[in-house]
Amino acid sequence: MCNSTVVRWTITPRIAPRPWIACGGCGTLKPFQSSGKVRLNANGKRLDAWLIYKCIDCARSWNRPLFERRTLKEIDPKVLEAAHFSTPDWVRAQEFDIDGLRRHAQRIDEFGEADIDKQDVGEAALPGQIVIEFEVALPSSLRLDRLLAGELGLSRSKLQSLHEEGLLIIEPGRKEVLRRRVRSGMQVRLMQGG
């Protein structure tokens, strides 16, 4: 295999994070999952929006605040329309807002399952090199070493040794980068024959 190529892997997580909330129906902390529906409420000239979650055991609902007590002037018209119609792409982005979830949940379950779309986008600058560029639209808990091991058919220890030998270069280069989450803009260069 002497070809040199650049491939873009688009990572799309399958399962949204699940916050653990004190469930009034179950009487204990339980994981909740999004219903995909947004609830809007007007109070005078102010507007509130919540994403409705349901307990996975008893289906009791929890309204996760998206915004509260905002005037119409403070809300982007596109956001208002997306919230009003529970637009699936917008709702999905809210479901993956880990920072927003952390403000309200004691614990969050994240899932590493993802769909991976691979597209050839060009030829690598150096012969005998495979370059993988990552595009991750929604935050994913998928670790780089697990992703590469599964997709390239290499063990994680082999990946680590290739990285240490300089045959697997990862940018941006950080401490223990193989154990970090895959993010948009990451790039892996693999020298063939490694």
N, C-alpha and C. Protein backbone atom coordinates (compact mmCIF):
# COMPACT_ATOMS: atom_id res chain seq x y z
N MET A 1 0.84 -1.17 0.00
CA MET A 1 0.00 0.00 0.00
C MET A 1 0.89 1.24 0.00
N CYS A 2 1.15 1.81 -1.19
CA CYS A 2 2.05 2.94 -1.31
C CYS A 2 1.31 4.24 -1.53
N ASN A 3 0.00 4.18 -1.70
CA ASN A 3 -0.75 5.40 -1.96
C ASN A 3 -0.73 6.33 -0.76
N SER A 4 -0.83 7.60 -1.05
CA SER A 4 -0.96 8.58 0.02
C SER A 4 -2.29 9.27 -0.19
N THR A 5 -3.03 9.38 0.87
CA THR A 5 -4.39 9.92 0.75
C THR A 5 -4.78 10.72 1.97
N VAL A 6 -5.74 11.62 1.76
CA VAL A 6 -6.34 12.37 2.86
C VAL A 6 -7.81 11.95 2.92
N VAL A 7 -8.24 11.54 4.10
CA VAL A 7 -9.61 11.07 4.30
C VAL A 7 -10.25 11.90 5.42
N ARG A 8 -11.49 12.34 5.19
CA ARG A 8 -12.22 13.05 6.23
C ARG A 8 -13.21 12.09 6.86
N TRP A 9 -13.10 11.93 8.20
CA TRP A 9 -14.04 11.11 8.94
C TRP A 9 -15.01 12.06 9.65
N THR A 10 -16.28 11.94 9.30
CA THR A 10 -17.30 12.73 9.96
C THR A 10 -17.95 11.86 11.02
N ILE A 11 -17.82 12.28 12.26
CA ILE A 11 -18.30 11.51 13.41
C ILE A 11 -19.65 12.07 13.86
N THR A 12 -20.66 11.20 13.91
CA THR A 12 -21.99 11.61 14.36
C THR A 12 -22.40 10.69 15.50
N PRO A 13 -22.44 11.21 16.74
CA PRO A 13 -22.86 10.37 17.87
C PRO A 13 -24.29 9.88 17.69
N ARG A 14 -24.53 8.65 18.11
CA ARG A 14 -25.87 8.06 17.96
C ARG A 14 -26.80 8.39 19.11
N ILE A 15 -26.27 8.40 20.33
CA ILE A 15 -27.11 8.54 21.52
C ILE A 15 -26.73 9.80 22.27
N ALA A 16 -27.72 10.63 22.55
CA ALA A 16 -27.49 11.87 23.29
C ALA A 16 -27.16 11.56 24.75
N PRO A 17 -26.40 12.43 25.40
CA PRO A 17 -26.11 12.23 26.83
C PRO A 17 -27.40 12.18 27.65
N ARG A 18 -27.35 11.41 28.73
CA ARG A 18 -28.52 11.28 29.61
C ARG A 18 -28.18 11.81 31.00
N PRO A 19 -28.87 12.88 31.41
CA PRO A 19 -28.65 13.40 32.76
C PRO A 19 -29.36 12.54 33.79
N TRP A 20 -28.76 12.46 34.96
CA TRP A 20 -29.39 11.78 36.10
C TRP A 20 -30.01 12.86 36.98
N ILE A 21 -31.31 12.72 37.19
CA ILE A 21 -32.08 13.71 37.94
C ILE A 21 -32.85 12.97 39.03
N ALA A 22 -33.09 13.67 40.14
CA ALA A 22 -33.94 13.09 41.19
C ALA A 22 -35.35 12.98 40.63
N CYS A 23 -35.80 11.75 40.44
CA CYS A 23 -37.11 11.49 39.85
C CYS A 23 -38.17 11.44 40.95
N GLY A 24 -39.19 12.28 40.81
CA GLY A 24 -40.28 12.29 41.78
C GLY A 24 -41.13 11.03 41.74
N GLY A 25 -41.18 10.38 40.59
CA GLY A 25 -41.98 9.16 40.46
C GLY A 25 -41.27 7.95 41.04
N CYS A 26 -39.97 7.86 40.82
CA CYS A 26 -39.20 6.71 41.30
C CYS A 26 -38.64 6.92 42.71
N GLY A 27 -38.52 8.18 43.12
CA GLY A 27 -38.02 8.48 44.45
C GLY A 27 -36.51 8.36 44.59
N THR A 28 -35.78 8.36 43.48
CA THR A 28 -34.32 8.25 43.52
C THR A 28 -33.74 8.88 42.25
N LEU A 29 -32.41 8.99 42.21
CA LEU A 29 -31.76 9.49 41.00
C LEU A 29 -31.97 8.49 39.87
N LYS A 30 -32.37 9.00 38.70
CA LYS A 30 -32.61 8.15 37.54
C LYS A 30 -32.12 8.86 36.29
N PRO A 31 -31.73 8.09 35.28
CA PRO A 31 -31.36 8.72 34.01
C PRO A 31 -32.61 9.16 33.25
N PHE A 32 -32.52 10.33 32.65
CA PHE A 32 -33.59 10.89 31.85
C PHE A 32 -33.10 11.02 30.41
N GLN A 33 -34.04 10.85 29.46
CA GLN A 33 -33.66 11.07 28.07
C GLN A 33 -34.60 12.09 27.45
N SER A 34 -34.09 12.80 26.46
CA SER A 34 -34.86 13.85 25.81
C SER A 34 -36.05 13.28 25.06
N SER A 35 -37.15 14.01 25.11
CA SER A 35 -38.34 13.65 24.33
C SER A 35 -38.27 14.26 22.93
N GLY A 36 -37.33 15.17 22.74
CA GLY A 36 -37.23 15.86 21.46
C GLY A 36 -38.20 17.03 21.33
N LYS A 37 -38.90 17.34 22.39
CA LYS A 37 -39.91 18.41 22.37
C LYS A 37 -39.48 19.58 23.25
N VAL A 38 -39.77 20.78 22.78
CA VAL A 38 -39.48 22.00 23.53
C VAL A 38 -40.79 22.60 24.00
N ARG A 39 -40.79 23.09 25.22
CA ARG A 39 -41.97 23.76 25.77
C ARG A 39 -41.64 25.24 25.92
N LEU A 40 -42.50 26.08 25.38
CA LEU A 40 -42.36 27.53 25.51
C LEU A 40 -43.46 28.05 26.41
N ASN A 41 -43.14 29.06 27.21
CA ASN A 41 -44.12 29.67 28.10
C ASN A 41 -43.87 31.17 28.14
N ALA A 42 -44.92 31.93 27.89
CA ALA A 42 -44.82 33.38 27.95
C ALA A 42 -45.38 33.86 29.29
N ASN A 43 -44.65 34.78 29.90
CA ASN A 43 -45.09 35.37 31.15
C ASN A 43 -44.96 36.88 30.97
N GLY A 44 -46.06 37.51 30.60
CA GLY A 44 -46.00 38.93 30.27
C GLY A 44 -45.19 39.09 28.98
N LYS A 45 -44.16 39.90 29.04
CA LYS A 45 -43.31 40.13 27.87
C LYS A 45 -42.06 39.25 27.88
N ARG A 46 -42.03 38.32 28.79
CA ARG A 46 -40.86 37.45 28.92
C ARG A 46 -41.21 36.04 28.47
N LEU A 47 -40.17 35.33 28.01
CA LEU A 47 -40.39 34.00 27.47
C LEU A 47 -39.42 33.00 28.11
N ASP A 48 -39.92 31.81 28.38
CA ASP A 48 -39.11 30.71 28.90
C ASP A 48 -39.15 29.57 27.88
N ALA A 49 -38.08 28.79 27.81
CA ALA A 49 -38.07 27.60 26.96
C ALA A 49 -37.39 26.47 27.72
N TRP A 50 -38.00 25.28 27.63
CA TRP A 50 -37.46 24.10 28.28
C TRP A 50 -37.43 22.95 27.29
N LEU A 51 -36.42 22.12 27.39
CA LEU A 51 -36.38 20.86 26.65
C LEU A 51 -36.93 19.80 27.58
N ILE A 52 -37.94 19.07 27.14
CA ILE A 52 -38.62 18.10 27.99
C ILE A 52 -37.87 16.77 27.95
N TYR A 53 -37.50 16.29 29.14
CA TYR A 53 -36.86 14.99 29.31
C TYR A 53 -37.83 14.07 30.04
N LYS A 54 -37.65 12.76 29.85
CA LYS A 54 -38.49 11.77 30.52
C LYS A 54 -37.61 10.76 31.25
N CYS A 55 -38.04 10.35 32.44
CA CYS A 55 -37.36 9.29 33.18
C CYS A 55 -37.45 8.01 32.34
N ILE A 56 -36.33 7.30 32.22
CA ILE A 56 -36.36 6.09 31.38
C ILE A 56 -37.14 4.95 32.03
N ASP A 57 -37.42 5.05 33.34
CA ASP A 57 -38.18 4.00 34.02
C ASP A 57 -39.67 4.30 34.13
N CYS A 58 -40.01 5.51 34.58
CA CYS A 58 -41.43 5.79 34.86
C CYS A 58 -42.02 6.85 33.94
N ALA A 59 -41.22 7.43 33.05
CA ALA A 59 -41.67 8.44 32.07
C ALA A 59 -42.09 9.77 32.71
N ARG A 60 -41.75 9.98 33.97
CA ARG A 60 -42.02 11.29 34.58
C ARG A 60 -41.18 12.34 33.87
N SER A 61 -41.72 13.52 33.68
CA SER A 61 -40.98 14.52 32.90
C SER A 61 -40.16 15.46 33.78
N TRP A 62 -39.13 16.01 33.16
CA TRP A 62 -38.28 17.05 33.75
C TRP A 62 -38.07 18.08 32.67
N ASN A 63 -38.30 19.35 32.99
CA ASN A 63 -38.11 20.43 32.04
C ASN A 63 -36.73 21.06 32.24
N ARG A 64 -35.86 20.81 31.31
CA ARG A 64 -34.51 21.39 31.38
C ARG A 64 -34.53 22.80 30.80
N PRO A 65 -34.18 23.80 31.60
CA PRO A 65 -34.21 25.17 31.10
C PRO A 65 -33.23 25.39 29.95
N LEU A 66 -33.72 25.99 28.88
CA LEU A 66 -32.87 26.40 27.76
C LEU A 66 -32.62 27.90 27.86
N PHE A 67 -33.68 28.65 28.11
CA PHE A 67 -33.55 30.06 28.47
C PHE A 67 -34.77 30.44 29.30
N GLU A 68 -34.56 31.44 30.16
CA GLU A 68 -35.63 31.84 31.07
C GLU A 68 -35.72 33.36 31.13
N ARG A 69 -36.94 33.83 31.22
CA ARG A 69 -37.25 35.25 31.43
C ARG A 69 -36.55 36.17 30.43
N ARG A 70 -36.59 35.79 29.16
CA ARG A 70 -35.97 36.60 28.11
C ARG A 70 -37.05 37.35 27.34
N THR A 71 -36.76 38.58 26.98
CA THR A 71 -37.67 39.32 26.11
C THR A 71 -37.46 38.84 24.68
N LEU A 72 -38.44 39.08 23.83
CA LEU A 72 -38.32 38.65 22.44
C LEU A 72 -37.13 39.31 21.75
N LYS A 73 -36.79 40.53 22.14
CA LYS A 73 -35.65 41.23 21.55
C LYS A 73 -34.32 40.53 21.88
N GLU A 74 -34.28 39.84 23.00
CA GLU A 74 -33.05 39.16 23.43
C GLU A 74 -32.84 37.82 22.75
N ILE A 75 -33.85 37.31 22.05
CA ILE A 75 -33.79 35.97 21.47
C ILE A 75 -33.61 36.08 19.95
N ASP A 76 -32.61 35.40 19.45
CA ASP A 76 -32.39 35.33 18.00
C ASP A 76 -33.64 34.76 17.36
N PRO A 77 -34.18 35.40 16.31
CA PRO A 77 -35.40 34.90 15.67
C PRO A 77 -35.28 33.45 15.18
N LYS A 78 -34.11 33.03 14.74
CA LYS A 78 -33.92 31.65 14.29
C LYS A 78 -34.03 30.68 15.47
N VAL A 79 -33.49 31.09 16.62
CA VAL A 79 -33.59 30.25 17.83
C VAL A 79 -35.05 30.17 18.28
N LEU A 80 -35.74 31.28 18.24
CA LEU A 80 -37.15 31.30 18.64
C LEU A 80 -37.98 30.38 17.75
N GLU A 81 -37.75 30.45 16.44
CA GLU A 81 -38.49 29.59 15.51
C GLU A 81 -38.15 28.12 15.75
N ALA A 82 -36.85 27.82 15.95
CA ALA A 82 -36.44 26.43 16.18
C ALA A 82 -37.06 25.89 17.47
N ALA A 83 -37.10 26.71 18.52
CA ALA A 83 -37.71 26.29 19.78
C ALA A 83 -39.22 26.12 19.61
N HIS A 84 -39.84 27.03 18.91
CA HIS A 84 -41.30 26.98 18.73
C HIS A 84 -41.73 25.70 18.00
N PHE A 85 -40.96 25.30 16.98
CA PHE A 85 -41.31 24.12 16.19
C PHE A 85 -40.56 22.86 16.60
N SER A 86 -39.78 22.93 17.68
CA SER A 86 -38.95 21.78 18.11
C SER A 86 -38.18 21.21 16.93
N THR A 87 -37.49 22.09 16.21
CA THR A 87 -36.74 21.69 15.02
C THR A 87 -35.71 20.63 15.41
N PRO A 88 -35.76 19.44 14.77
CA PRO A 88 -34.92 18.31 15.20
C PRO A 88 -33.42 18.61 15.29
N ASP A 89 -32.85 19.30 14.30
CA ASP A 89 -31.41 19.58 14.35
C ASP A 89 -31.06 20.50 15.51
N TRP A 90 -31.89 21.50 15.75
CA TRP A 90 -31.65 22.43 16.86
C TRP A 90 -31.81 21.71 18.20
N VAL A 91 -32.86 20.91 18.31
CA VAL A 91 -33.10 20.15 19.55
C VAL A 91 -31.92 19.21 19.81
N ARG A 92 -31.44 18.54 18.76
CA ARG A 92 -30.31 17.62 18.92
C ARG A 92 -29.06 18.35 19.43
N ALA A 93 -28.82 19.55 18.92
CA ALA A 93 -27.68 20.33 19.41
C ALA A 93 -27.85 20.66 20.90
N GLN A 94 -29.07 20.94 21.34
CA GLN A 94 -29.32 21.22 22.76
C GLN A 94 -29.11 19.96 23.61
N GLU A 95 -29.50 18.81 23.07
CA GLU A 95 -29.33 17.54 23.80
C GLU A 95 -27.85 17.24 24.05
N PHE A 96 -26.98 17.69 23.16
CA PHE A 96 -25.55 17.43 23.29
C PHE A 96 -24.80 18.58 23.97
N ASP A 97 -25.51 19.54 24.51
CA ASP A 97 -24.89 20.65 25.24
C ASP A 97 -24.52 20.17 26.64
N ILE A 98 -23.34 19.59 26.73
CA ILE A 98 -22.88 19.00 28.00
C ILE A 98 -22.78 20.05 29.10
N ASP A 99 -22.25 21.23 28.78
CA ASP A 99 -22.11 22.28 29.80
C ASP A 99 -23.48 22.69 30.33
N GLY A 100 -24.46 22.80 29.45
CA GLY A 100 -25.81 23.13 29.89
C GLY A 100 -26.41 22.06 30.78
N LEU A 101 -26.16 20.80 30.44
CA LEU A 101 -26.65 19.70 31.26
C LEU A 101 -25.98 19.67 32.63
N ARG A 102 -24.69 19.96 32.68
CA ARG A 102 -23.96 19.92 33.95
C ARG A 102 -24.50 20.91 34.97
N ARG A 103 -25.10 21.99 34.51
CA ARG A 103 -25.66 22.98 35.44
C ARG A 103 -26.89 22.45 36.18
N HIS A 104 -27.49 21.37 35.65
CA HIS A 104 -28.74 20.88 36.22
C HIS A 104 -28.71 19.42 36.69
N ALA A 105 -27.68 18.68 36.29
CA ALA A 105 -27.66 17.24 36.59
C ALA A 105 -26.49 16.90 37.52
N GLN A 106 -26.72 15.94 38.39
CA GLN A 106 -25.68 15.48 39.30
C GLN A 106 -24.71 14.53 38.61
N ARG A 107 -25.20 13.91 37.54
CA ARG A 107 -24.37 12.96 36.79
C ARG A 107 -24.89 12.93 35.35
N ILE A 108 -24.00 12.66 34.41
CA ILE A 108 -24.40 12.58 33.00
C ILE A 108 -23.77 11.33 32.40
N ASP A 109 -24.61 10.49 31.81
CA ASP A 109 -24.10 9.33 31.07
C ASP A 109 -23.84 9.75 29.64
N GLU A 110 -22.64 9.45 29.14
CA GLU A 110 -22.30 9.73 27.76
C GLU A 110 -22.02 8.40 27.07
N PHE A 111 -22.27 8.36 25.78
CA PHE A 111 -22.15 7.12 25.03
C PHE A 111 -21.17 7.30 23.88
N GLY A 112 -20.35 6.28 23.65
CA GLY A 112 -19.32 6.36 22.63
C GLY A 112 -19.74 5.87 21.26
N GLU A 113 -20.96 5.37 21.12
CA GLU A 113 -21.40 4.86 19.82
C GLU A 113 -21.59 6.01 18.85
N ALA A 114 -21.06 5.83 17.64
CA ALA A 114 -21.16 6.89 16.64
C ALA A 114 -21.16 6.29 15.24
N ASP A 115 -21.75 7.03 14.32
CA ASP A 115 -21.66 6.69 12.90
C ASP A 115 -20.47 7.44 12.33
N ILE A 116 -19.74 6.78 11.44
CA ILE A 116 -18.54 7.37 10.86
C ILE A 116 -18.67 7.35 9.34
N ASP A 117 -18.70 8.54 8.77
CA ASP A 117 -18.75 8.67 7.32
C ASP A 117 -17.34 9.03 6.84
N LYS A 118 -16.80 8.23 5.92
CA LYS A 118 -15.43 8.44 5.44
C LYS A 118 -15.46 8.90 3.99
N GLN A 119 -14.76 10.00 3.72
CA GLN A 119 -14.69 10.53 2.37
C GLN A 119 -13.25 10.84 2.01
N ASP A 120 -12.82 10.39 0.82
CA ASP A 120 -11.51 10.78 0.31
C ASP A 120 -11.62 12.24 -0.11
N VAL A 121 -10.66 13.04 0.35
CA VAL A 121 -10.70 14.47 0.03
C VAL A 121 -9.45 14.94 -0.71
N GLY A 122 -8.52 14.04 -0.98
CA GLY A 122 -7.33 14.46 -1.71
C GLY A 122 -6.17 13.53 -1.50
N GLU A 123 -5.02 14.02 -1.92
CA GLU A 123 -3.79 13.25 -1.80
C GLU A 123 -2.89 13.89 -0.75
N ALA A 124 -2.28 13.08 0.08
CA ALA A 124 -1.39 13.58 1.13
C ALA A 124 -0.13 14.16 0.50
N ALA A 125 0.49 15.11 1.23
CA ALA A 125 1.69 15.78 0.72
C ALA A 125 2.88 14.84 0.63
N LEU A 126 2.97 13.88 1.55
CA LEU A 126 4.10 12.96 1.55
C LEU A 126 3.68 11.59 1.04
N PRO A 127 4.53 10.95 0.25
CA PRO A 127 4.20 9.60 -0.24
C PRO A 127 4.14 8.60 0.92
N GLY A 128 3.25 7.61 0.79
CA GLY A 128 3.15 6.56 1.81
C GLY A 128 2.55 7.03 3.11
N GLN A 129 1.71 8.05 3.06
CA GLN A 129 1.12 8.61 4.27
C GLN A 129 -0.40 8.65 4.13
N ILE A 130 -1.09 8.27 5.19
CA ILE A 130 -2.54 8.43 5.26
C ILE A 130 -2.82 9.54 6.26
N VAL A 131 -3.61 10.51 5.83
CA VAL A 131 -3.99 11.61 6.71
C VAL A 131 -5.49 11.49 6.95
N ILE A 132 -5.86 11.48 8.24
CA ILE A 132 -7.28 11.42 8.61
C ILE A 132 -7.61 12.74 9.29
N GLU A 133 -8.59 13.44 8.72
CA GLU A 133 -9.08 14.69 9.30
C GLU A 133 -10.43 14.38 9.96
N PHE A 134 -10.66 14.95 11.13
CA PHE A 134 -11.90 14.66 11.86
C PHE A 134 -12.84 15.86 11.85
N GLU A 135 -14.10 15.55 11.63
CA GLU A 135 -15.16 16.54 11.74
C GLU A 135 -16.18 15.96 12.71
N VAL A 136 -16.38 16.66 13.82
CA VAL A 136 -17.30 16.19 14.86
C VAL A 136 -18.28 17.32 15.14
N ALA A 137 -19.49 17.18 14.61
CA ALA A 137 -20.47 18.26 14.72
C ALA A 137 -21.02 18.39 16.13
N LEU A 138 -21.21 17.28 16.82
CA LEU A 138 -21.75 17.28 18.18
C LEU A 138 -20.73 16.64 19.12
N PRO A 139 -20.64 17.14 20.36
CA PRO A 139 -19.67 16.56 21.29
C PRO A 139 -19.87 15.05 21.45
N SER A 140 -18.75 14.34 21.45
CA SER A 140 -18.80 12.89 21.58
C SER A 140 -17.81 12.46 22.64
N SER A 141 -18.14 11.42 23.37
CA SER A 141 -17.22 10.89 24.38
C SER A 141 -16.28 9.85 23.78
N LEU A 142 -16.33 9.67 22.48
CA LEU A 142 -15.52 8.68 21.78
C LEU A 142 -14.04 9.05 21.87
N ARG A 143 -13.24 8.15 22.45
CA ARG A 143 -11.81 8.39 22.58
C ARG A 143 -11.09 8.08 21.27
N LEU A 144 -10.04 8.84 20.99
CA LEU A 144 -9.30 8.68 19.75
C LEU A 144 -8.71 7.28 19.61
N ASP A 145 -8.12 6.74 20.69
CA ASP A 145 -7.51 5.41 20.58
C ASP A 145 -8.54 4.33 20.27
N ARG A 146 -9.72 4.41 20.88
CA ARG A 146 -10.77 3.42 20.62
C ARG A 146 -11.28 3.53 19.18
N LEU A 147 -11.45 4.76 18.73
CA LEU A 147 -11.93 4.97 17.36
C LEU A 147 -10.92 4.42 16.35
N LEU A 148 -9.66 4.79 16.48
CA LEU A 148 -8.64 4.34 15.53
C LEU A 148 -8.46 2.83 15.59
N ALA A 149 -8.45 2.26 16.78
CA ALA A 149 -8.29 0.81 16.91
C ALA A 149 -9.42 0.08 16.19
N GLY A 150 -10.64 0.53 16.40
CA GLY A 150 -11.79 -0.13 15.78
C GLY A 150 -11.82 0.03 14.27
N GLU A 151 -11.48 1.21 13.79
CA GLU A 151 -11.59 1.49 12.36
C GLU A 151 -10.37 1.03 11.56
N LEU A 152 -9.19 1.02 12.19
CA LEU A 152 -7.98 0.62 11.47
C LEU A 152 -7.59 -0.83 11.73
N GLY A 153 -8.26 -1.47 12.68
CA GLY A 153 -7.95 -2.87 12.98
C GLY A 153 -6.62 -3.05 13.68
N LEU A 154 -6.24 -2.06 14.48
CA LEU A 154 -4.99 -2.12 15.25
C LEU A 154 -5.32 -2.11 16.73
N SER A 155 -4.48 -2.73 17.52
CA SER A 155 -4.70 -2.69 18.97
C SER A 155 -4.32 -1.30 19.48
N ARG A 156 -4.85 -0.95 20.65
CA ARG A 156 -4.51 0.34 21.24
C ARG A 156 -3.04 0.39 21.63
N SER A 157 -2.48 -0.75 22.03
CA SER A 157 -1.04 -0.76 22.37
C SER A 157 -0.19 -0.56 21.12
N LYS A 158 -0.63 -1.11 19.98
CA LYS A 158 0.08 -0.89 18.72
C LYS A 158 0.02 0.58 18.32
N LEU A 159 -1.14 1.19 18.47
CA LEU A 159 -1.28 2.62 18.18
C LEU A 159 -0.35 3.44 19.06
N GLN A 160 -0.28 3.08 20.33
CA GLN A 160 0.59 3.81 21.26
C GLN A 160 2.05 3.68 20.84
N SER A 161 2.47 2.47 20.46
CA SER A 161 3.87 2.29 20.05
C SER A 161 4.16 3.02 18.73
N LEU A 162 3.21 3.02 17.79
CA LEU A 162 3.39 3.78 16.55
C LEU A 162 3.53 5.28 16.85
N HIS A 163 2.73 5.74 17.80
CA HIS A 163 2.79 7.15 18.19
C HIS A 163 4.16 7.48 18.81
N GLU A 164 4.62 6.60 19.67
CA GLU A 164 5.93 6.81 20.32
C GLU A 164 7.08 6.77 19.32
N GLU A 165 6.94 5.96 18.26
CA GLU A 165 7.98 5.82 17.24
C GLU A 165 7.92 6.94 16.19
N GLY A 166 6.92 7.81 16.26
CA GLY A 166 6.78 8.89 15.30
C GLY A 166 6.13 8.47 13.99
N LEU A 167 5.55 7.27 13.95
CA LEU A 167 4.87 6.81 12.74
C LEU A 167 3.38 7.15 12.75
N LEU A 168 2.89 7.61 13.89
CA LEU A 168 1.52 8.06 14.04
C LEU A 168 1.60 9.44 14.69
N ILE A 169 1.30 10.46 13.91
CA ILE A 169 1.41 11.84 14.38
C ILE A 169 0.01 12.41 14.52
N ILE A 170 -0.26 13.01 15.68
CA ILE A 170 -1.59 13.54 15.96
C ILE A 170 -1.47 15.03 16.26
N GLU A 171 -2.31 15.80 15.57
CA GLU A 171 -2.34 17.23 15.82
C GLU A 171 -3.76 17.64 16.17
N PRO A 172 -3.98 18.52 17.10
CA PRO A 172 -2.92 19.12 17.90
C PRO A 172 -2.32 18.10 18.86
N GLY A 173 -1.02 18.18 19.02
CA GLY A 173 -0.30 17.27 19.90
C GLY A 173 -0.45 17.70 21.35
N ARG A 174 -0.99 16.83 22.16
CA ARG A 174 -1.18 17.10 23.58
C ARG A 174 -0.72 15.88 24.36
N LYS A 175 -0.58 16.07 25.65
CA LYS A 175 -0.23 14.96 26.51
C LYS A 175 -1.35 13.92 26.46
N GLU A 176 -0.98 12.66 26.29
CA GLU A 176 -1.92 11.54 26.23
C GLU A 176 -3.05 11.79 25.23
N VAL A 177 -2.69 12.30 24.05
CA VAL A 177 -3.68 12.67 23.05
C VAL A 177 -4.52 11.48 22.58
N LEU A 178 -3.94 10.28 22.58
CA LEU A 178 -4.70 9.10 22.16
C LEU A 178 -5.86 8.80 23.10
N ARG A 179 -5.74 9.21 24.35
CA ARG A 179 -6.79 8.94 25.34
C ARG A 179 -7.82 10.05 25.42
N ARG A 180 -7.66 11.07 24.61
CA ARG A 180 -8.60 12.20 24.64
C ARG A 180 -9.75 11.97 23.67
N ARG A 181 -10.79 12.75 23.85
CA ARG A 181 -11.96 12.67 22.98
C ARG A 181 -11.62 13.18 21.59
N VAL A 182 -12.26 12.60 20.60
CA VAL A 182 -12.10 13.06 19.22
C VAL A 182 -12.82 14.40 19.08
N ARG A 183 -12.15 15.36 18.45
CA ARG A 183 -12.72 16.69 18.26
C ARG A 183 -12.53 17.14 16.82
N SER A 184 -13.39 18.03 16.38
CA SER A 184 -13.23 18.61 15.05
C SER A 184 -11.88 19.30 14.97
N GLY A 185 -11.26 19.18 13.80
CA GLY A 185 -9.97 19.82 13.59
C GLY A 185 -8.78 18.94 13.92
N MET A 186 -9.02 17.83 14.64
CA MET A 186 -7.91 16.90 14.89
C MET A 186 -7.48 16.27 13.57
N GLN A 187 -6.19 15.95 13.52
CA GLN A 187 -5.66 15.32 12.32
C GLN A 187 -4.67 14.22 12.74
N VAL A 188 -4.80 13.08 12.09
CA VAL A 188 -3.90 11.96 12.34
C VAL A 188 -3.15 11.66 11.05
N ARG A 189 -1.83 11.57 11.16
CA ARG A 189 -1.01 11.18 10.02
C ARG A 189 -0.35 9.85 10.35
N LEU A 190 -0.61 8.86 9.50
CA LEU A 190 -0.09 7.51 9.70
C LEU A 190 0.84 7.17 8.54
N MET A 191 2.07 6.87 8.89
CA MET A 191 3.05 6.45 7.87
C MET A 191 2.79 4.99 7.56
N GLN A 192 2.58 4.68 6.30
CA GLN A 192 2.31 3.30 5.90
C GLN A 192 3.56 2.47 6.08
N GLY A 193 3.33 1.23 6.41
CA GLY A 193 4.44 0.33 6.70
C GLY A 193 4.70 0.26 8.19
N GLY A 194 3.93 1.09 8.98
CA GLY A 194 4.09 1.12 10.42
C GLY A 194 3.27 0.07 11.10
